[in-house]
Amino acid sequence: MPRGIPRNKEGISKMEGVRQTLAKLGNDAMPLEIQKHLKSEFGIDMDTSMISNYKSALKSAGKSAIIRRPAARRAAATMSTSAGISIDDIRAVKAVIERVGADKVLQLAQVLGK
């Protein structure tokens, strides 16, 4: 019995076939539609339950990177990209606040903001 990833005559795996089919038909495509497309385009014959499993695996693979990332890093990354303020900027402001006081920094911000 052959070992490794089973591939069709075009050299793509079943997972890659499902991936390409979902890219073409959309993530809302039903397993029967995907099955017909796989057979006609790539010559891949798959059971609909296997297609459903592959579809679920592909869907959850995109979420795993977000889930594993700590919330503090997500918030910092969001803040730095959307507001244009980096973590280093925040640390610098915090150092100034600790040195001269929050009231002085607030007064300075009000004067410079005008």
PDB file of N, CA and C in Angstrom:
ATOM      1  N   MET A   1       0.847  -1.176   0.000  1.00  0.00           N
ATOM      2  CA  MET A   1       0.000   0.000   0.000  1.00  0.00           C
ATOM      3  C   MET A   1       0.892   1.240   0.000  1.00  0.00           C
ATOM      4  N   PRO A   2       0.621   2.242  -0.864  1.00  0.00           N
ATOM      5  CA  PRO A   2       1.476   3.424  -0.927  1.00  0.00           C
ATOM      6  C   PRO A   2       1.337   4.289   0.327  1.00  0.00           C
ATOM      7  N   ARG A   3       2.413   4.948   0.665  1.00  0.00           N
ATOM      8  CA  ARG A   3       2.420   5.821   1.834  1.00  0.00           C
ATOM      9  C   ARG A   3       2.507   7.271   1.389  1.00  0.00           C
ATOM     10  N   GLY A   4       2.212   8.185   2.327  1.00  0.00           N
ATOM     11  CA  GLY A   4       2.287   9.608   2.030  1.00  0.00           C
ATOM     12  C   GLY A   4       0.915  10.189   1.729  1.00  0.00           C
ATOM     13  N   ILE A   5       0.915  11.378   1.203  1.00  0.00           N
ATOM     14  CA  ILE A   5      -0.335  12.076   0.895  1.00  0.00           C
ATOM     15  C   ILE A   5      -0.853  11.585  -0.445  1.00  0.00           C
ATOM     16  N   PRO A   6      -2.077  11.054  -0.473  1.00  0.00           N
ATOM     17  CA  PRO A   6      -2.625  10.600  -1.754  1.00  0.00           C
ATOM     18  C   PRO A   6      -2.886  11.792  -2.673  1.00  0.00           C
ATOM     19  N   ARG A   7      -2.452  11.677  -3.906  1.00  0.00           N
ATOM     20  CA  ARG A   7      -2.625  12.751  -4.872  1.00  0.00           C
ATOM     21  C   ARG A   7      -3.283  12.200  -6.136  1.00  0.00           C
ATOM     22  N   ASN A   8      -3.981  13.090  -6.841  1.00  0.00           N
ATOM     23  CA  ASN A   8      -4.618  12.663  -8.072  1.00  0.00           C
ATOM     24  C   ASN A   8      -3.621  12.786  -9.228  1.00  0.00           C
ATOM     25  N   LYS A   9      -4.099  12.598 -10.450  1.00  0.00           N
ATOM     26  CA  LYS A   9      -3.198  12.638 -11.604  1.00  0.00           C
ATOM     27  C   LYS A   9      -2.598  14.026 -11.837  1.00  0.00           C
ATOM     28  N   GLU A  10      -3.242  15.090 -11.336  1.00  0.00           N
ATOM     29  CA  GLU A  10      -2.706  16.442 -11.485  1.00  0.00           C
ATOM     30  C   GLU A  10      -1.704  16.773 -10.391  1.00  0.00           C
ATOM     31  N   GLY A  11      -1.577  15.921  -9.391  1.00  0.00           N
ATOM     32  CA  GLY A  11      -0.575  16.104  -8.358  1.00  0.00           C
ATOM     33  C   GLY A  11      -1.023  16.913  -7.156  1.00  0.00           C
ATOM     34  N   ILE A  12      -2.322  17.167  -7.000  1.00  0.00           N
ATOM     35  CA  ILE A  12      -2.761  17.898  -5.810  1.00  0.00           C
ATOM     36  C   ILE A  12      -3.420  16.935  -4.834  1.00  0.00           C
ATOM     37  N   SER A  13      -3.292  17.262  -3.559  1.00  0.00           N
ATOM     38  CA  SER A  13      -3.898  16.414  -2.536  1.00  0.00           C
ATOM     39  C   SER A  13      -5.391  16.719  -2.437  1.00  0.00           C
ATOM     40  N   LYS A  14      -6.084  15.874  -1.698  1.00  0.00           N
ATOM     41  CA  LYS A  14      -7.517  16.089  -1.504  1.00  0.00           C
ATOM     42  C   LYS A  14      -7.758  17.389  -0.735  1.00  0.00           C
ATOM     43  N   MET A  15      -6.929  17.647   0.275  1.00  0.00           N
ATOM     44  CA  MET A  15      -7.076  18.873   1.054  1.00  0.00           C
ATOM     45  C   MET A  15      -6.880  20.100   0.173  1.00  0.00           C
ATOM     46  N   GLU A  16      -5.876  20.051  -0.682  1.00  0.00           N
ATOM     47  CA  GLU A  16      -5.640  21.189  -1.585  1.00  0.00           C
ATOM     48  C   GLU A  16      -6.789  21.333  -2.577  1.00  0.00           C
ATOM     49  N   GLY A  17      -7.354  20.220  -3.021  1.00  0.00           N
ATOM     50  CA  GLY A  17      -8.512  20.285  -3.908  1.00  0.00           C
ATOM     51  C   GLY A  17      -9.702  20.946  -3.229  1.00  0.00           C
ATOM     52  N   VAL A  18      -9.946  20.584  -1.975  1.00  0.00           N
ATOM     53  CA  VAL A  18     -11.038  21.206  -1.226  1.00  0.00           C
ATOM     54  C   VAL A  18     -10.740  22.685  -1.011  1.00  0.00           C
ATOM     55  N   ARG A  19      -9.495  23.010  -0.693  1.00  0.00           N
ATOM     56  CA  ARG A  19      -9.091  24.407  -0.486  1.00  0.00           C
ATOM     57  C   ARG A  19      -9.348  25.246  -1.749  1.00  0.00           C
ATOM     58  N   GLN A  20      -8.928  24.736  -2.892  1.00  0.00           N
ATOM     59  CA  GLN A  20      -9.133  25.460  -4.147  1.00  0.00           C
ATOM     60  C   GLN A  20     -10.608  25.562  -4.513  1.00  0.00           C
ATOM     61  N   THR A  21     -11.353  24.507  -4.249  1.00  0.00           N
ATOM     62  CA  THR A  21     -12.790  24.517  -4.539  1.00  0.00           C
ATOM     63  C   THR A  21     -13.506  25.538  -3.676  1.00  0.00           C
ATOM     64  N   LEU A  22     -13.167  25.604  -2.389  1.00  0.00           N
ATOM     65  CA  LEU A  22     -13.777  26.590  -1.509  1.00  0.00           C
ATOM     66  C   LEU A  22     -13.405  28.013  -1.931  1.00  0.00           C
ATOM     67  N   ALA A  23     -12.188  28.184  -2.419  1.00  0.00           N
ATOM     68  CA  ALA A  23     -11.786  29.503  -2.901  1.00  0.00           C
ATOM     69  C   ALA A  23     -12.619  29.916  -4.111  1.00  0.00           C
ATOM     70  N   LYS A  24     -12.966  28.942  -4.935  1.00  0.00           N
ATOM     71  CA  LYS A  24     -13.740  29.238  -6.140  1.00  0.00           C
ATOM     72  C   LYS A  24     -15.241  29.361  -5.848  1.00  0.00           C
ATOM     73  N   LEU A  25     -15.790  28.415  -5.068  1.00  0.00           N
ATOM     74  CA  LEU A  25     -17.232  28.388  -4.818  1.00  0.00           C
ATOM     75  C   LEU A  25     -17.650  29.201  -3.597  1.00  0.00           C
ATOM     76  N   GLY A  26     -16.712  29.492  -2.703  1.00  0.00           N
ATOM     77  CA  GLY A  26     -17.028  30.218  -1.482  1.00  0.00           C
ATOM     78  C   GLY A  26     -17.161  29.271  -0.300  1.00  0.00           C
ATOM     79  N   ASN A  27     -17.011  29.823   0.889  1.00  0.00           N
ATOM     80  CA  ASN A  27     -17.052  29.007   2.104  1.00  0.00           C
ATOM     81  C   ASN A  27     -18.443  28.481   2.430  1.00  0.00           C
ATOM     82  N   ASP A  28     -19.466  29.027   1.813  1.00  0.00           N
ATOM     83  CA  ASP A  28     -20.833  28.578   2.065  1.00  0.00           C
ATOM     84  C   ASP A  28     -21.253  27.412   1.178  1.00  0.00           C
ATOM     85  N   ALA A  29     -20.356  26.938   0.320  1.00  0.00           N
ATOM     86  CA  ALA A  29     -20.679  25.841  -0.589  1.00  0.00           C
ATOM     87  C   ALA A  29     -20.983  24.571   0.200  1.00  0.00           C
ATOM     88  N   MET A  30     -21.980  23.868  -0.227  1.00  0.00           N
ATOM     89  CA  MET A  30     -22.395  22.628   0.434  1.00  0.00           C
ATOM     90  C   MET A  30     -21.505  21.469  -0.022  1.00  0.00           C
ATOM     91  N   PRO A  31     -21.362  20.433   0.823  1.00  0.00           N
ATOM     92  CA  PRO A  31     -20.500  19.304   0.466  1.00  0.00           C
ATOM     93  C   PRO A  31     -20.846  18.634  -0.868  1.00  0.00           C
ATOM     94  N   LEU A  32     -22.132  18.572  -1.228  1.00  0.00           N
ATOM     95  CA  LEU A  32     -22.488  17.968  -2.522  1.00  0.00           C
ATOM     96  C   LEU A  32     -21.956  18.799  -3.691  1.00  0.00           C
ATOM     97  N   GLU A  33     -22.037  20.125  -3.573  1.00  0.00           N
ATOM     98  CA  GLU A  33     -21.487  20.993  -4.626  1.00  0.00           C
ATOM     99  C   GLU A  33     -19.977  20.813  -4.721  1.00  0.00           C
ATOM    100  N   ILE A  34     -19.342  20.761  -3.564  1.00  0.00           N
ATOM    101  CA  ILE A  34     -17.888  20.597  -3.533  1.00  0.00           C
ATOM    102  C   ILE A  34     -17.504  19.253  -4.136  1.00  0.00           C
ATOM    103  N   GLN A  35     -18.276  18.212  -3.826  1.00  0.00           N
ATOM    104  CA  GLN A  35     -18.005  16.877  -4.352  1.00  0.00           C
ATOM    105  C   GLN A  35     -18.069  16.869  -5.884  1.00  0.00           C
ATOM    106  N   LYS A  36     -19.091  17.497  -6.440  1.00  0.00           N
ATOM    107  CA  LYS A  36     -19.228  17.555  -7.905  1.00  0.00           C
ATOM    108  C   LYS A  36     -18.077  18.329  -8.528  1.00  0.00           C
ATOM    109  N   HIS A  37     -17.707  19.444  -7.907  1.00  0.00           N
ATOM    110  CA  HIS A  37     -16.620  20.259  -8.446  1.00  0.00           C
ATOM    111  C   HIS A  37     -15.289  19.521  -8.383  1.00  0.00           C
ATOM    112  N   LEU A  38     -15.029  18.827  -7.271  1.00  0.00           N
ATOM    113  CA  LEU A  38     -13.782  18.065  -7.138  1.00  0.00           C
ATOM    114  C   LEU A  38     -13.682  16.981  -8.206  1.00  0.00           C
ATOM    115  N   LYS A  39     -14.793  16.314  -8.469  1.00  0.00           N
ATOM    116  CA  LYS A  39     -14.797  15.238  -9.462  1.00  0.00           C
ATOM    117  C   LYS A  39     -14.587  15.789 -10.873  1.00  0.00           C
ATOM    118  N   SER A  40     -15.269  16.893 -11.200  1.00  0.00           N
ATOM    119  CA  SER A  40     -15.168  17.422 -12.565  1.00  0.00           C
ATOM    120  C   SER A  40     -13.853  18.152 -12.818  1.00  0.00           C
ATOM    121  N   GLU A  41     -13.376  18.914 -11.845  1.00  0.00           N
ATOM    122  CA  GLU A  41     -12.165  19.719 -12.054  1.00  0.00           C
ATOM    123  C   GLU A  41     -10.874  18.936 -11.851  1.00  0.00           C
ATOM    124  N   PHE A  42     -10.821  18.142 -10.780  1.00  0.00           N
ATOM    125  CA  PHE A  42      -9.566  17.507 -10.396  1.00  0.00           C
ATOM    126  C   PHE A  42      -9.573  15.993 -10.496  1.00  0.00           C
ATOM    127  N   GLY A  43     -10.738  15.406 -10.755  1.00  0.00           N
ATOM    128  CA  GLY A  43     -10.817  13.948 -10.812  1.00  0.00           C
ATOM    129  C   GLY A  43     -10.715  13.309  -9.439  1.00  0.00           C
ATOM    130  N   ILE A  44     -11.024  14.055  -8.403  1.00  0.00           N
ATOM    131  CA  ILE A  44     -10.946  13.551  -7.034  1.00  0.00           C
ATOM    132  C   ILE A  44     -12.329  13.063  -6.605  1.00  0.00           C
ATOM    133  N   ASP A  45     -12.384  11.825  -6.125  1.00  0.00           N
ATOM    134  CA  ASP A  45     -13.640  11.251  -5.652  1.00  0.00           C
ATOM    135  C   ASP A  45     -13.575  11.211  -4.130  1.00  0.00           C
ATOM    136  N   MET A  46     -14.448  12.009  -3.476  1.00  0.00           N
ATOM    137  CA  MET A  46     -14.461  12.074  -2.018  1.00  0.00           C
ATOM    138  C   MET A  46     -15.868  11.921  -1.495  1.00  0.00           C
ATOM    139  N   ASP A  47     -15.986  11.321  -0.310  1.00  0.00           N
ATOM    140  CA  ASP A  47     -17.258  11.203   0.371  1.00  0.00           C
ATOM    141  C   ASP A  47     -17.621  12.575   0.967  1.00  0.00           C
ATOM    142  N   THR A  48     -18.909  12.869   1.039  1.00  0.00           N
ATOM    143  CA  THR A  48     -19.336  14.179   1.539  1.00  0.00           C
ATOM    144  C   THR A  48     -18.974  14.375   3.013  1.00  0.00           C
ATOM    145  N   SER A  49     -18.938  13.307   3.791  1.00  0.00           N
ATOM    146  CA  SER A  49     -18.545  13.454   5.202  1.00  0.00           C
ATOM    147  C   SER A  49     -17.072  13.847   5.311  1.00  0.00           C
ATOM    148  N   MET A  50     -16.232  13.311   4.445  1.00  0.00           N
ATOM    149  CA  MET A  50     -14.819  13.686   4.430  1.00  0.00           C
ATOM    150  C   MET A  50     -14.660  15.141   3.996  1.00  0.00           C
ATOM    151  N   ILE A  51     -15.447  15.565   3.027  1.00  0.00           N
ATOM    152  CA  ILE A  51     -15.411  16.960   2.575  1.00  0.00           C
ATOM    153  C   ILE A  51     -15.808  17.884   3.718  1.00  0.00           C
ATOM    154  N   SER A  52     -16.821  17.501   4.470  1.00  0.00           N
ATOM    155  CA  SER A  52     -17.264  18.301   5.614  1.00  0.00           C
ATOM    156  C   SER A  52     -16.163  18.400   6.671  1.00  0.00           C
ATOM    157  N   ASN A  53     -15.475  17.297   6.919  1.00  0.00           N
ATOM    158  CA  ASN A  53     -14.360  17.312   7.879  1.00  0.00           C
ATOM    159  C   ASN A  53     -13.231  18.221   7.396  1.00  0.00           C
ATOM    160  N   TYR A  54     -12.884  18.135   6.129  1.00  0.00           N
ATOM    161  CA  TYR A  54     -11.826  18.978   5.574  1.00  0.00           C
ATOM    162  C   TYR A  54     -12.231  20.451   5.649  1.00  0.00           C
ATOM    163  N   LYS A  55     -13.476  20.724   5.333  1.00  0.00           N
ATOM    164  CA  LYS A  55     -13.980  22.094   5.369  1.00  0.00           C
ATOM    165  C   LYS A  55     -13.891  22.662   6.790  1.00  0.00           C
ATOM    166  N   SER A  56     -14.274  21.868   7.774  1.00  0.00           N
ATOM    167  CA  SER A  56     -14.183  22.290   9.177  1.00  0.00           C
ATOM    168  C   SER A  56     -12.741  22.524   9.590  1.00  0.00           C
ATOM    169  N   ALA A  57     -11.856  21.649   9.167  1.00  0.00           N
ATOM    170  CA  ALA A  57     -10.442  21.792   9.504  1.00  0.00           C
ATOM    171  C   ALA A  57      -9.866  23.071   8.901  1.00  0.00           C
ATOM    172  N   LEU A  58     -10.232  23.366   7.661  1.00  0.00           N
ATOM    173  CA  LEU A  58      -9.744  24.586   7.020  1.00  0.00           C
ATOM    174  C   LEU A  58     -10.311  25.824   7.698  1.00  0.00           C
ATOM    175  N   LYS A  59     -11.556  25.756   8.113  1.00  0.00           N
ATOM    176  CA  LYS A  59     -12.194  26.894   8.763  1.00  0.00           C
ATOM    177  C   LYS A  59     -11.554  27.163  10.120  1.00  0.00           C
ATOM    178  N   SER A  60     -11.277  26.124  10.883  1.00  0.00           N
ATOM    179  CA  SER A  60     -10.706  26.305  12.218  1.00  0.00           C
ATOM    180  C   SER A  60      -9.219  26.629  12.166  1.00  0.00           C
ATOM    181  N   ALA A  61      -8.542  26.287  11.090  1.00  0.00           N
ATOM    182  CA  ALA A  61      -7.114  26.571  10.990  1.00  0.00           C
ATOM    183  C   ALA A  61      -6.845  28.071  10.987  1.00  0.00           C
ATOM    184  N   GLY A  62      -7.728  28.844  10.413  1.00  0.00           N
ATOM    185  CA  GLY A  62      -7.548  30.284  10.393  1.00  0.00           C
ATOM    186  C   GLY A  62      -7.746  30.923  11.749  1.00  0.00           C
ATOM    187  N   LYS A  63      -8.556  30.320  12.597  1.00  0.00           N
ATOM    188  CA  LYS A  63      -8.834  30.874  13.919  1.00  0.00           C
ATOM    189  C   LYS A  63      -7.741  30.535  14.921  1.00  0.00           C
ATOM    190  N   SER A  64      -6.995  29.474  14.701  1.00  0.00           N
ATOM    191  CA  SER A  64      -6.053  29.015  15.708  1.00  0.00           C
ATOM    192  C   SER A  64      -4.986  30.054  16.013  1.00  0.00           C
ATOM    193  N   ALA A  65      -4.527  30.800  15.038  1.00  0.00           N
ATOM    194  CA  ALA A  65      -3.507  31.826  15.286  1.00  0.00           C
ATOM    195  C   ALA A  65      -4.067  32.941  16.153  1.00  0.00           C
ATOM    196  N   ILE A  66      -5.322  33.288  15.961  1.00  0.00           N
ATOM    197  CA  ILE A  66      -5.946  34.344  16.750  1.00  0.00           C
ATOM    198  C   ILE A  66      -6.174  33.857  18.179  1.00  0.00           C
ATOM    199  N   ILE A  67      -6.584  32.623  18.329  1.00  0.00           N
ATOM    200  CA  ILE A  67      -6.874  32.077  19.652  1.00  0.00           C
ATOM    201  C   ILE A  67      -5.603  31.965  20.481  1.00  0.00           C
ATOM    202  N   ARG A  68      -4.509  31.578  19.882  1.00  0.00           N
ATOM    203  CA  ARG A  68      -3.269  31.370  20.616  1.00  0.00           C
ATOM    204  C   ARG A  68      -2.597  32.668  21.036  1.00  0.00           C
ATOM    205  N   ARG A  69      -2.898  33.757  20.367  1.00  0.00           N
ATOM    206  CA  ARG A  69      -2.246  35.026  20.655  1.00  0.00           C
ATOM    207  C   ARG A  69      -2.834  35.642  21.923  1.00  0.00           C
ATOM    208  N   PRO A  70      -1.999  35.987  22.903  1.00  0.00           N
ATOM    209  CA  PRO A  70      -2.530  36.572  24.141  1.00  0.00           C
ATOM    210  C   PRO A  70      -3.304  37.858  23.881  1.00  0.00           C
ATOM    211  N   ALA A  71      -4.306  38.112  24.724  1.00  0.00           N
ATOM    212  CA  ALA A  71      -5.185  39.267  24.542  1.00  0.00           C
ATOM    213  C   ALA A  71      -4.418  40.576  24.622  1.00  0.00           C
ATOM    214  N   ALA A  72      -3.425  40.677  25.478  1.00  0.00           N
ATOM    215  CA  ALA A  72      -2.660  41.916  25.616  1.00  0.00           C
ATOM    216  C   ALA A  72      -1.944  42.248  24.315  1.00  0.00           C
ATOM    217  N   ARG A  73      -1.401  41.252  23.663  1.00  0.00           N
ATOM    218  CA  ARG A  73      -0.718  41.504  22.390  1.00  0.00           C
ATOM    219  C   ARG A  73      -1.707  41.900  21.300  1.00  0.00           C
ATOM    220  N   ARG A  74      -2.901  41.263  21.312  1.00  0.00           N
ATOM    221  CA  ARG A  74      -3.922  41.630  20.328  1.00  0.00           C
ATOM    222  C   ARG A  74      -4.302  43.085  20.497  1.00  0.00           C
ATOM    223  N   ALA A  75      -4.525  43.521  21.746  1.00  0.00           N
ATOM    224  CA  ALA A  75      -4.931  44.904  22.001  1.00  0.00           C
ATOM    225  C   ALA A  75      -3.818  45.863  21.606  1.00  0.00           C
ATOM    226  N   ALA A  76      -2.577  45.521  21.930  1.00  0.00           N
ATOM    227  CA  ALA A  76      -1.460  46.399  21.593  1.00  0.00           C
ATOM    228  C   ALA A  76      -1.286  46.497  20.081  1.00  0.00           C
ATOM    229  N   ALA A  77      -1.420  45.377  19.394  1.00  0.00           N
ATOM    230  CA  ALA A  77      -1.278  45.393  17.943  1.00  0.00           C
ATOM    231  C   ALA A  77      -2.392  46.206  17.303  1.00  0.00           C
ATOM    232  N   THR A  78      -3.598  46.066  17.821  1.00  0.00           N
ATOM    233  CA  THR A  78      -4.723  46.825  17.282  1.00  0.00           C
ATOM    234  C   THR A  78      -4.531  48.309  17.522  1.00  0.00           C
ATOM    235  N   MET A  79      -4.100  48.654  18.729  1.00  0.00           N
ATOM    236  CA  MET A  79      -3.927  50.055  19.041  1.00  0.00           C
ATOM    237  C   MET A  79      -2.813  50.660  18.193  1.00  0.00           C
ATOM    238  N   SER A  80      -1.718  49.951  18.013  1.00  0.00           N
ATOM    239  CA  SER A  80      -0.604  50.527  17.278  1.00  0.00           C
ATOM    240  C   SER A  80      -0.935  50.705  15.801  1.00  0.00           C
ATOM    241  N   THR A  81      -1.749  49.839  15.240  1.00  0.00           N
ATOM    242  CA  THR A  81      -2.058  49.980  13.826  1.00  0.00           C
ATOM    243  C   THR A  81      -3.191  50.954  13.570  1.00  0.00           C
ATOM    244  N   SER A  82      -4.201  50.965  14.435  1.00  0.00           N
ATOM    245  CA  SER A  82      -5.358  51.815  14.163  1.00  0.00           C
ATOM    246  C   SER A  82      -5.133  53.249  14.621  1.00  0.00           C
ATOM    247  N   ALA A  83      -4.471  53.449  15.749  1.00  0.00           N
ATOM    248  CA  ALA A  83      -4.295  54.799  16.273  1.00  0.00           C
ATOM    249  C   ALA A  83      -2.957  55.404  15.863  1.00  0.00           C
ATOM    250  N   GLY A  84      -2.038  54.627  15.363  1.00  0.00           N
ATOM    251  CA  GLY A  84      -0.733  55.137  14.977  1.00  0.00           C
ATOM    252  C   GLY A  84       0.185  55.330  16.165  1.00  0.00           C
ATOM    253  N   ILE A  85      -0.148  54.771  17.322  1.00  0.00           N
ATOM    254  CA  ILE A  85       0.665  54.885  18.522  1.00  0.00           C
ATOM    255  C   ILE A  85       1.268  53.516  18.806  1.00  0.00           C
ATOM    256  N   SER A  86       2.575  53.482  18.981  1.00  0.00           N
ATOM    257  CA  SER A  86       3.226  52.208  19.257  1.00  0.00           C
ATOM    258  C   SER A  86       3.388  52.015  20.758  1.00  0.00           C
ATOM    259  N   ILE A  87       3.773  50.836  21.130  1.00  0.00           N
ATOM    260  CA  ILE A  87       4.031  50.523  22.533  1.00  0.00           C
ATOM    261  C   ILE A  87       5.184  51.375  23.055  1.00  0.00           C
ATOM    262  N   ASP A  88       6.187  51.588  22.215  1.00  0.00           N
ATOM    263  CA  ASP A  88       7.310  52.428  22.625  1.00  0.00           C
ATOM    264  C   ASP A  88       6.861  53.855  22.921  1.00  0.00           C
ATOM    265  N   ASP A  89       5.920  54.371  22.131  1.00  0.00           N
ATOM    266  CA  ASP A  89       5.382  55.710  22.386  1.00  0.00           C
ATOM    267  C   ASP A  89       4.696  55.767  23.747  1.00  0.00           C
ATOM    268  N   ILE A  90       3.919  54.742  24.042  1.00  0.00           N
ATOM    269  CA  ILE A  90       3.203  54.699  25.321  1.00  0.00           C
ATOM    270  C   ILE A  90       4.185  54.620  26.482  1.00  0.00           C
ATOM    271  N   ARG A  91       5.224  53.812  26.318  1.00  0.00           N
ATOM    272  CA  ARG A  91       6.239  53.709  27.380  1.00  0.00           C
ATOM    273  C   ARG A  91       6.947  55.040  27.597  1.00  0.00           C
ATOM    274  N   ALA A  92       7.214  55.765  26.519  1.00  0.00           N
ATOM    275  CA  ALA A  92       7.878  57.065  26.646  1.00  0.00           C
ATOM    276  C   ALA A  92       6.993  58.060  27.388  1.00  0.00           C
ATOM    277  N   VAL A  93       5.698  58.088  27.071  1.00  0.00           N
ATOM    278  CA  VAL A  93       4.768  58.990  27.757  1.00  0.00           C
ATOM    279  C   VAL A  93       4.667  58.607  29.236  1.00  0.00           C
ATOM    280  N   LYS A  94       4.636  57.328  29.506  1.00  0.00           N
ATOM    281  CA  LYS A  94       4.559  56.870  30.898  1.00  0.00           C
ATOM    282  C   LYS A  94       5.796  57.305  31.678  1.00  0.00           C
ATOM    283  N   ALA A  95       6.963  57.230  31.051  1.00  0.00           N
ATOM    284  CA  ALA A  95       8.195  57.661  31.716  1.00  0.00           C
ATOM    285  C   ALA A  95       8.147  59.153  32.021  1.00  0.00           C
ATOM    286  N   VAL A  96       7.626  59.953  31.093  1.00  0.00           N
ATOM    287  CA  VAL A  96       7.507  61.395  31.317  1.00  0.00           C
ATOM    288  C   VAL A  96       6.520  61.669  32.448  1.00  0.00           C
ATOM    289  N   ILE A  97       5.412  60.957  32.479  1.00  0.00           N
ATOM    290  CA  ILE A  97       4.421  61.129  33.543  1.00  0.00           C
ATOM    291  C   ILE A  97       5.036  60.810  34.905  1.00  0.00           C
ATOM    292  N   GLU A  98       5.816  59.739  34.968  1.00  0.00           N
ATOM    293  CA  GLU A  98       6.461  59.371  36.233  1.00  0.00           C
ATOM    294  C   GLU A  98       7.486  60.411  36.671  1.00  0.00           C
ATOM    295  N   ARG A  99       8.117  61.068  35.698  1.00  0.00           N
ATOM    296  CA  ARG A  99       9.169  62.041  36.022  1.00  0.00           C
ATOM    297  C   ARG A  99       8.598  63.391  36.427  1.00  0.00           C
ATOM    298  N   VAL A 100       7.605  63.928  35.666  1.00  0.00           N
ATOM    299  CA  VAL A 100       7.112  65.286  35.934  1.00  0.00           C
ATOM    300  C   VAL A 100       5.702  65.322  36.505  1.00  0.00           C
ATOM    301  N   GLY A 101       4.973  64.232  36.433  1.00  0.00           N
ATOM    302  CA  GLY A 101       3.624  64.185  36.969  1.00  0.00           C
ATOM    303  C   GLY A 101       2.569  64.276  35.882  1.00  0.00           C
ATOM    304  N   ALA A 102       1.420  63.667  36.168  1.00  0.00           N
ATOM    305  CA  ALA A 102       0.349  63.591  35.186  1.00  0.00           C
ATOM    306  C   ALA A 102      -0.259  64.962  34.908  1.00  0.00           C
ATOM    307  N   ASP A 103      -0.360  65.816  35.934  1.00  0.00           N
ATOM    308  CA  ASP A 103      -0.938  67.150  35.739  1.00  0.00           C
ATOM    309  C   ASP A 103      -0.111  67.975  34.759  1.00  0.00           C
ATOM    310  N   LYS A 104       1.194  67.923  34.899  1.00  0.00           N
ATOM    311  CA  LYS A 104       2.086  68.686  34.002  1.00  0.00           C
ATOM    312  C   LYS A 104       1.987  68.162  32.567  1.00  0.00           C
ATOM    313  N   VAL A 105       1.912  66.845  32.416  1.00  0.00           N
ATOM    314  CA  VAL A 105       1.790  66.265  31.078  1.00  0.00           C
ATOM    315  C   VAL A 105       0.452  66.647  30.457  1.00  0.00           C
ATOM    316  N   LEU A 106      -0.611  66.681  31.259  1.00  0.00           N
ATOM    317  CA  LEU A 106      -1.922  67.090  30.771  1.00  0.00           C
ATOM    318  C   LEU A 106      -1.903  68.548  30.321  1.00  0.00           C
ATOM    319  N   GLN A 107      -1.279  69.410  31.098  1.00  0.00           N
ATOM    320  CA  GLN A 107      -1.162  70.821  30.718  1.00  0.00           C
ATOM    321  C   GLN A 107      -0.371  70.967  29.424  1.00  0.00           C
ATOM    322  N   LEU A 108       0.710  70.211  29.329  1.00  0.00           N
ATOM    323  CA  LEU A 108       1.549  70.247  28.121  1.00  0.00           C
ATOM    324  C   LEU A 108       0.744  69.780  26.900  1.00  0.00           C
ATOM    325  N   ALA A 109      -0.036  68.733  27.060  1.00  0.00           N
ATOM    326  CA  ALA A 109      -0.843  68.206  25.957  1.00  0.00           C
ATOM    327  C   ALA A 109      -1.900  69.211  25.530  1.00  0.00           C
ATOM    328  N   GLN A 110      -2.502  69.927  26.497  1.00  0.00           N
ATOM    329  CA  GLN A 110      -3.503  70.941  26.166  1.00  0.00           C
ATOM    330  C   GLN A 110      -2.880  72.096  25.417  1.00  0.00           C
ATOM    331  N   VAL A 111      -1.694  72.514  25.789  1.00  0.00           N
ATOM    332  CA  VAL A 111      -1.025  73.626  25.101  1.00  0.00           C
ATOM    333  C   VAL A 111      -0.603  73.205  23.698  1.00  0.00           C
ATOM    334  N   LEU A 112      -0.022  72.018  23.587  1.00  0.00           N
ATOM    335  CA  LEU A 112       0.472  71.556  22.289  1.00  0.00           C
ATOM    336  C   LEU A 112      -0.666  71.154  21.359  1.00  0.00           C
ATOM    337  N   GLY A 113      -1.804  70.782  21.912  1.00  0.00           N
ATOM    338  CA  GLY A 113      -2.938  70.352  21.096  1.00  0.00           C
ATOM    339  C   GLY A 113      -3.673  71.484  20.419  1.00  0.00           C
ATOM    340  N   LYS A 114      -3.388  72.717  20.804  1.00  0.00           N
ATOM    341  CA  LYS A 114      -4.083  73.867  20.224  1.00  0.00           C
ATOM    342  C   LYS A 114      -3.441  74.315  18.958  1.00  0.00           C
TER     343      LYS A 114
END
